[in-house]
Amino acid sequence: MTSNVNTSVQPTKDTVPEKKERASSVVKVLTTDRMWLLVVLIVLLITATAIADGLRLLVAPFTVRYLSVSLIALVPLALLALAETFVILSGRSGIDLSVGGLVSIAGMFFGSMVVDHGLSIVLAAFITVVFATLLGALNGFLVGFLGFPPLIATLATGYAFSSIALVMHDGAPYSDPKLTGMNELTAGIGPGALAIPWHVVTVLLPVGLLAWMALSKMRWGRSLYAVGTSDSAARYSAINQKLVRASAYAVAGLLAGITALVNVAQFASARPDAGTAGNGLALPAITIAVLGGVAIAGGVGKIGGALMAALFVTWMNAIILIAFPGSFGSRVQLLALGIVLIGAVLLNQAAARHQAT
């Protein structure tokens, strides 16, 4: 007798546990790999804004050109977010509240070198970056070697830097044809609506690449992660945790010095309140670093996450300005930044739980 049993393989549907496991895997990827989450958030942000524009809910047109032009605000935020990334990675509640004041004093120092002392742009820029690095090293000495709490140390030096910047030129900005000419560095490159500010390519991308190499490919980066994770473990690994932690603040000063030069190029003058005007640059930079996946406790974080978070915040701020009339938009930016910071901390906590399981 022949059997009529059908022996072909029948497709089976996923069971409920399998679906839950796959969903859990997606959530784990989005929380632990911040790059992917930020890509999703940026896509959602642009999509929602495009829909609002189509429904005529915005006060100004939303175009590709608007997004590309808004990138002029990306470079200062991204550079200082990288500065905060290095500092926070160093552990012991590392934070640098002085970067805004440091940007102001470094910009005024640069203006003085060019206008008062007649130095060339290139030489003045080099001296300014060295000067800013030394000011950052002062923070590092206070925190790394003298054991000052980072919050107190950098708050104090931030006040000092800001006040010195305000009295350097009787509170007036430095203006000069040489400084005005620097504005060409922020001109757009590329075809039509896709043109992006020149300093995104010439400053941010090279600095971002060097920062990634410093953390991922150099012994110093591995030491910074080790110090931020555990001082005891770093000590057993023969790492000079005081020096490594202090160097993170020096690097933050270097990046703040570069930011000061970018600000002078953008405004075609050196302003005494460049890093402290309005809401300042320090708190947005800290928010971006945390959103990019840097753990407040230290030892966890990546350069790519910080850069992608800076792009998200830059476009979020730009979109808010065309979503609300008048000065109301700038006030909403503060609210949005606070919500983003709270959300970023919650995401970091969720990532820590997923990595522990």
Protein backbone atom coordinates (compact mmCIF):
# COMPACT_ATOMS: atom_id res chain seq x y z
CA MET A 1 0.00 0.00 0.00
CA THR A 2 1.15 3.53 -0.71
CA SER A 3 0.96 6.27 1.81
CA ASN A 4 -0.78 9.56 0.98
CA VAL A 5 0.93 11.44 3.78
CA ASN A 6 2.21 14.83 2.58
CA THR A 7 5.84 15.00 3.63
CA SER A 8 6.55 18.49 2.24
CA VAL A 9 7.80 21.10 4.68
CA GLN A 10 5.06 23.51 5.66
CA PRO A 11 5.95 27.09 6.54
CA THR A 12 5.36 27.88 10.13
CA LYS A 13 4.46 31.21 11.64
CA ASP A 14 6.62 32.76 14.30
CA THR A 15 5.50 31.90 17.77
CA VAL A 16 4.65 34.64 20.25
CA PRO A 17 7.88 34.11 22.24
CA GLU A 18 9.92 34.39 19.01
CA LYS A 19 8.20 37.66 18.09
CA LYS A 20 8.82 39.04 21.57
CA GLU A 21 12.45 37.98 21.40
CA ARG A 22 12.92 39.67 18.02
CA ALA A 23 11.23 42.85 19.26
CA SER A 24 13.44 42.78 22.35
CA SER A 25 16.51 42.45 20.12
CA VAL A 26 15.47 45.51 18.11
CA VAL A 27 14.94 47.52 21.29
CA LYS A 28 18.32 46.38 22.60
CA VAL A 29 20.06 47.49 19.40
CA LEU A 30 18.35 50.89 19.47
CA THR A 31 19.26 51.51 23.10
CA THR A 32 22.81 50.16 23.13
CA ASP A 33 23.89 51.32 19.64
CA ARG A 34 23.01 55.01 19.82
CA MET A 35 23.95 55.65 16.18
CA TRP A 36 21.02 53.61 14.90
CA LEU A 37 18.57 55.22 17.29
CA LEU A 38 19.68 58.71 16.28
CA VAL A 39 19.37 57.85 12.59
CA VAL A 40 15.78 56.75 13.26
CA LEU A 41 15.07 59.92 15.27
CA ILE A 42 16.47 62.15 12.51
CA VAL A 43 14.35 60.40 9.88
CA LEU A 44 11.25 60.75 12.06
CA LEU A 45 12.01 64.41 12.73
CA ILE A 46 12.39 65.27 9.05
CA THR A 47 9.34 63.21 8.06
CA ALA A 48 7.11 64.83 10.68
CA THR A 49 8.30 68.29 9.69
CA ALA A 50 7.71 67.60 6.00
CA ILE A 51 4.15 66.50 6.81
CA ALA A 52 3.59 69.63 8.89
CA ASP A 53 4.93 71.72 6.02
CA GLY A 54 2.55 70.01 3.62
CA LEU A 55 -0.33 70.84 5.96
CA ARG A 56 0.91 74.45 6.14
CA LEU A 57 1.42 74.31 9.88
CA LEU A 58 4.85 75.97 9.78
CA VAL A 59 5.56 79.69 9.78
CA ALA A 60 8.25 79.36 7.08
CA PRO A 61 8.95 76.89 4.26
CA PHE A 62 10.76 73.66 5.10
CA THR A 63 13.27 72.89 2.35
CA VAL A 64 16.46 70.92 1.80
CA ARG A 65 18.25 74.23 1.43
CA TYR A 66 17.06 75.27 4.89
CA LEU A 67 18.45 72.07 6.40
CA SER A 68 21.82 72.52 4.68
CA VAL A 69 22.14 76.18 5.69
CA SER A 70 21.27 75.33 9.31
CA LEU A 71 24.41 73.17 9.44
CA ILE A 72 26.37 76.37 10.08
CA ALA A 73 25.32 75.93 13.73
CA LEU A 74 26.46 72.29 13.75
CA VAL A 75 30.21 72.80 13.97
CA PRO A 76 30.46 74.70 17.30
CA LEU A 77 27.95 72.37 18.96
CA ALA A 78 29.63 69.24 17.64
CA LEU A 79 33.16 70.36 18.60
CA LEU A 80 32.12 71.17 22.16
CA ALA A 81 30.11 67.93 22.36
CA LEU A 82 33.34 66.10 21.51
CA ALA A 83 35.07 68.10 24.25
CA GLU A 84 32.44 67.02 26.78
CA THR A 85 32.66 63.45 25.51
CA PHE A 86 36.36 63.23 26.41
CA VAL A 87 35.80 64.85 29.81
CA ILE A 88 32.79 62.72 30.78
CA LEU A 89 34.57 59.56 29.64
CA SER A 90 37.32 60.32 32.17
CA GLY A 91 34.96 59.41 35.02
CA ARG A 92 34.50 60.78 38.54
CA SER A 93 31.43 62.73 37.39
CA GLY A 94 33.59 64.47 34.81
CA ILE A 95 32.02 67.56 33.30
CA ASP A 96 33.32 70.85 31.91
CA LEU A 97 31.13 73.88 32.51
CA SER A 98 33.92 76.24 31.48
CA VAL A 99 33.90 75.56 27.74
CA GLY A 100 31.55 78.47 27.02
CA GLY A 101 33.75 80.95 28.88
CA LEU A 102 36.81 79.35 27.31
CA VAL A 103 35.38 79.93 23.82
CA SER A 104 34.82 83.59 24.72
CA ILE A 105 38.29 84.25 26.13
CA ALA A 106 40.04 82.31 23.36
CA GLY A 107 38.14 84.27 20.70
CA MET A 108 39.07 87.59 22.31
CA PHE A 109 42.68 86.42 22.65
CA PHE A 110 42.71 85.59 18.94
CA GLY A 111 41.21 88.98 18.08
CA SER A 112 43.86 90.71 20.17
CA MET A 113 46.65 88.79 18.44
CA VAL A 114 45.36 89.80 15.01
CA VAL A 115 44.12 93.35 15.63
CA ASP A 116 46.34 94.66 18.45
CA HIS A 117 49.56 92.82 17.66
CA GLY A 118 49.28 92.41 13.89
CA LEU A 119 49.90 88.67 13.75
CA SER A 120 48.86 86.68 10.73
CA ILE A 121 45.64 84.65 10.90
CA VAL A 122 47.52 81.34 10.79
CA LEU A 123 50.04 82.21 13.51
CA ALA A 124 47.38 83.80 15.73
CA ALA A 125 45.17 80.73 15.30
CA PHE A 126 47.99 78.39 16.34
CA ILE A 127 48.85 80.47 19.42
CA THR A 128 45.16 80.68 20.34
CA VAL A 129 44.70 76.90 20.23
CA VAL A 130 47.80 76.45 22.41
CA PHE A 131 46.48 79.10 24.81
CA ALA A 132 43.07 77.37 25.03
CA THR A 133 44.74 74.00 25.58
CA LEU A 134 46.69 75.44 28.51
CA LEU A 135 43.48 76.80 30.03
CA GLY A 136 41.93 73.37 29.65
CA ALA A 137 45.04 71.89 31.28
CA LEU A 138 44.39 74.21 34.24
CA ASN A 139 41.01 72.49 34.67
CA GLY A 140 42.76 69.16 34.34
CA PHE A 141 45.30 70.08 37.04
CA LEU A 142 42.52 71.11 39.43
CA VAL A 143 40.48 67.96 38.80
CA GLY A 144 43.10 65.34 38.05
CA PHE A 145 45.92 66.28 40.42
CA LEU A 146 44.33 68.38 43.16
CA GLY A 147 41.12 66.33 43.32
CA PHE A 148 38.67 69.21 42.88
CA PRO A 149 35.11 68.13 42.02
CA PRO A 150 34.79 68.75 38.24
CA LEU A 151 31.53 70.67 38.65
CA ILE A 152 33.07 73.16 41.10
CA ALA A 153 36.42 73.48 39.36
CA THR A 154 35.05 74.14 35.89
CA LEU A 155 32.25 76.37 37.16
CA ALA A 156 34.86 78.56 38.89
CA THR A 157 37.20 78.71 35.89
CA GLY A 158 34.23 79.28 33.59
CA TYR A 159 33.28 82.37 35.60
CA ALA A 160 36.89 83.56 35.46
CA PHE A 161 37.25 82.99 31.70
CA SER A 162 33.94 84.75 30.97
CA SER A 163 34.74 87.79 33.11
CA ILE A 164 38.25 88.19 31.66
CA ALA A 165 36.81 88.01 28.14
CA LEU A 166 34.38 90.82 29.00
CA VAL A 167 37.12 93.18 30.22
CA MET A 168 39.82 92.37 27.65
CA HIS A 169 38.61 94.98 25.14
CA ASP A 170 36.33 97.05 27.38
CA GLY A 171 33.50 94.67 26.56
CA ALA A 172 33.65 95.52 22.85
CA PRO A 173 34.19 92.97 20.10
CA TYR A 174 37.27 92.91 17.91
CA SER A 175 36.45 93.83 14.31
CA ASP A 176 38.96 93.98 11.50
CA PRO A 177 39.05 93.31 7.74
CA LYS A 178 41.23 90.25 8.46
CA LEU A 179 38.54 88.83 10.75
CA THR A 180 35.81 89.73 8.28
CA GLY A 181 37.67 87.79 5.60
CA MET A 182 37.49 84.66 7.75
CA ASN A 183 33.76 84.57 7.08
CA GLU A 184 34.56 82.89 3.76
CA LEU A 185 35.40 79.75 5.73
CA THR A 186 31.70 79.30 6.50
CA ALA A 187 30.53 79.80 2.90
CA GLY A 188 28.54 76.99 1.34
CA ILE A 189 30.04 74.42 -0.99
CA GLY A 190 28.19 72.03 -3.25
CA PRO A 191 25.43 72.35 -5.82
CA GLY A 192 22.44 74.58 -5.13
CA ALA A 193 20.22 73.45 -2.29
CA LEU A 194 22.71 70.78 -1.22
CA ALA A 195 25.45 73.30 -0.43
CA ILE A 196 26.82 72.87 3.08
CA PRO A 197 29.05 75.23 5.09
CA TRP A 198 32.70 74.87 4.15
CA HIS A 199 33.90 74.44 7.75
CA VAL A 200 31.82 71.28 8.12
CA VAL A 201 34.23 69.67 5.67
CA THR A 202 37.46 71.48 6.57
CA VAL A 203 37.10 71.54 10.36
CA LEU A 204 34.46 69.20 11.76
CA LEU A 205 35.14 66.09 9.68
CA PRO A 206 38.94 66.10 10.20
CA VAL A 207 38.55 66.82 13.93
CA GLY A 208 35.91 64.11 14.24
CA LEU A 209 38.19 61.62 12.49
CA LEU A 210 41.14 62.50 14.73
CA ALA A 211 38.93 62.23 17.83
CA TRP A 212 37.75 58.78 16.72
CA MET A 213 41.33 57.66 16.11
CA ALA A 214 42.42 58.99 19.50
CA LEU A 215 39.77 56.95 21.31
CA SER A 216 39.71 53.83 19.16
CA LYS A 217 43.25 53.38 17.89
CA MET A 218 45.56 54.98 20.45
CA ARG A 219 46.74 53.80 23.83
CA TRP A 220 45.63 57.12 25.31
CA GLY A 221 42.03 56.40 24.32
CA ARG A 222 42.11 52.94 25.88
CA SER A 223 43.58 54.46 29.03
CA LEU A 224 40.82 57.07 29.12
CA TYR A 225 38.15 54.36 28.94
CA ALA A 226 39.95 52.39 31.66
CA VAL A 227 40.23 55.39 33.99
CA GLY A 228 36.60 56.30 33.42
CA THR A 229 35.47 52.76 34.16
CA SER A 230 37.51 52.12 37.31
CA ASP A 231 40.39 53.97 38.94
CA SER A 232 41.41 50.80 40.76
CA ALA A 233 41.55 48.73 37.57
CA ALA A 234 43.49 51.50 35.83
CA ARG A 235 45.97 51.60 38.71
CA TYR A 236 46.55 47.85 38.48
CA SER A 237 47.15 48.31 34.74
CA ALA A 238 49.94 50.79 35.52
CA ILE A 239 47.95 53.71 34.09
CA ASN A 240 48.59 57.14 35.55
CA GLN A 241 44.92 57.97 36.14
CA LYS A 242 45.65 61.52 37.33
CA LEU A 243 47.56 62.40 34.18
CA VAL A 244 45.07 60.70 31.85
CA ARG A 245 42.11 62.42 33.50
CA ALA A 246 43.87 65.80 33.40
CA SER A 247 44.71 65.33 29.72
CA ALA A 248 41.00 64.91 28.89
CA TYR A 249 40.38 68.46 30.11
CA ALA A 250 43.37 69.72 28.13
CA VAL A 251 41.89 68.15 24.99
CA ALA A 252 38.57 69.80 25.81
CA GLY A 253 40.40 73.13 25.98
CA LEU A 254 41.99 72.48 22.59
CA LEU A 255 38.58 71.78 21.06
CA ALA A 256 37.15 74.90 22.69
CA GLY A 257 39.98 76.89 21.11
CA ILE A 258 39.09 75.54 17.67
CA THR A 259 35.45 76.39 18.38
CA ALA A 260 36.48 79.96 19.20
CA LEU A 261 38.14 80.28 15.79
CA VAL A 262 35.01 78.91 14.11
CA ASN A 263 32.88 81.43 15.97
CA VAL A 264 35.11 84.30 14.86
CA ALA A 265 34.76 83.09 11.27
CA GLN A 266 30.97 82.85 11.56
CA PHE A 267 30.44 86.29 13.08
CA ALA A 268 33.36 87.97 11.26
CA SER A 269 34.47 89.38 14.63
CA ALA A 270 35.71 88.24 18.03
CA ARG A 271 32.90 88.71 20.55
CA PRO A 272 33.40 88.72 24.34
CA ASP A 273 30.19 86.73 24.87
CA ALA A 274 30.61 84.28 21.98
CA GLY A 275 30.38 81.20 24.20
CA THR A 276 28.09 82.53 26.92
CA ALA A 277 25.45 84.62 25.14
CA GLY A 278 21.87 83.47 25.52
CA ASN A 279 21.83 79.95 26.91
CA GLY A 280 25.56 79.50 26.42
CA LEU A 281 27.31 76.61 24.71
CA ALA A 282 28.25 74.40 27.67
CA LEU A 283 24.86 72.92 28.58
CA PRO A 284 23.81 72.12 24.97
CA ALA A 285 27.19 70.43 24.47
CA ILE A 286 26.71 68.29 27.59
CA THR A 287 23.18 67.37 26.47
CA ILE A 288 24.46 66.33 23.04
CA ALA A 289 27.23 64.19 24.54
CA VAL A 290 24.77 62.35 26.80
CA LEU A 291 22.28 61.94 23.94
CA GLY A 292 25.12 60.47 21.89
CA GLY A 293 25.46 57.66 24.42
CA VAL A 294 28.16 58.92 26.78
CA ALA A 295 27.49 57.55 30.26
CA ILE A 296 27.54 60.18 32.99
CA ALA A 297 29.46 57.75 35.22
CA GLY A 298 32.24 57.64 32.62
CA GLY A 299 33.95 54.91 30.63
CA VAL A 300 31.19 54.51 28.00
CA GLY A 301 30.70 56.51 24.82
CA LYS A 302 31.64 56.86 21.16
CA ILE A 303 32.60 59.74 18.89
CA GLY A 304 30.08 58.77 16.20
CA GLY A 305 27.20 58.95 18.66
CA ALA A 306 28.19 62.47 19.76
CA LEU A 307 28.43 63.71 16.16
CA MET A 308 25.09 62.19 15.18
CA ALA A 309 23.46 63.66 18.30
CA ALA A 310 24.87 67.08 17.37
CA LEU A 311 23.25 66.77 13.94
CA PHE A 312 19.92 65.82 15.50
CA VAL A 313 19.94 68.75 17.96
CA THR A 314 21.04 71.19 15.23
CA TRP A 315 18.17 70.23 12.96
CA MET A 316 15.73 70.05 15.88
CA ASN A 317 16.59 73.64 16.83
CA ALA A 318 16.31 74.80 13.22
CA ILE A 319 12.91 73.15 12.79
CA ILE A 320 11.59 74.64 16.04
CA LEU A 321 12.40 78.13 14.70
CA ILE A 322 10.12 77.64 11.69
CA ALA A 323 7.45 75.86 13.73
CA PHE A 324 6.78 78.74 16.13
CA PRO A 325 6.43 82.47 15.42
CA GLY A 326 8.78 85.20 16.63
CA SER A 327 10.94 84.70 19.69
CA PHE A 328 8.69 81.93 20.97
CA GLY A 329 10.75 79.42 19.00
CA SER A 330 13.95 80.13 20.95
CA ARG A 331 12.05 79.54 24.20
CA VAL A 332 10.72 76.24 22.93
CA GLN A 333 14.28 75.25 22.08
CA LEU A 334 15.11 75.37 25.79
CA LEU A 335 12.15 73.16 26.62
CA ALA A 336 13.07 70.72 23.87
CA LEU A 337 16.67 70.59 25.04
CA GLY A 338 15.56 69.77 28.59
CA ILE A 339 13.27 67.01 27.34
CA VAL A 340 16.08 65.63 25.19
CA LEU A 341 18.44 65.56 28.17
CA ILE A 342 15.94 63.69 30.34
CA GLY A 343 15.24 61.26 27.51
CA ALA A 344 18.96 60.75 26.93
CA VAL A 345 19.56 59.85 30.58
CA LEU A 346 16.66 57.39 30.51
CA LEU A 347 18.07 55.84 27.32
CA ASN A 348 21.48 55.47 28.92
CA GLN A 349 19.92 53.75 31.91
CA ALA A 350 18.03 51.39 29.60
CA ALA A 351 21.23 50.68 27.67
CA ALA A 352 23.03 49.84 30.91
CA ARG A 353 20.29 47.39 31.86
CA HIS A 354 20.35 45.70 28.44
CA GLN A 355 24.15 45.38 28.52
CA ALA A 356 23.93 43.83 31.99
CA THR A 357 21.57 41.10 30.75
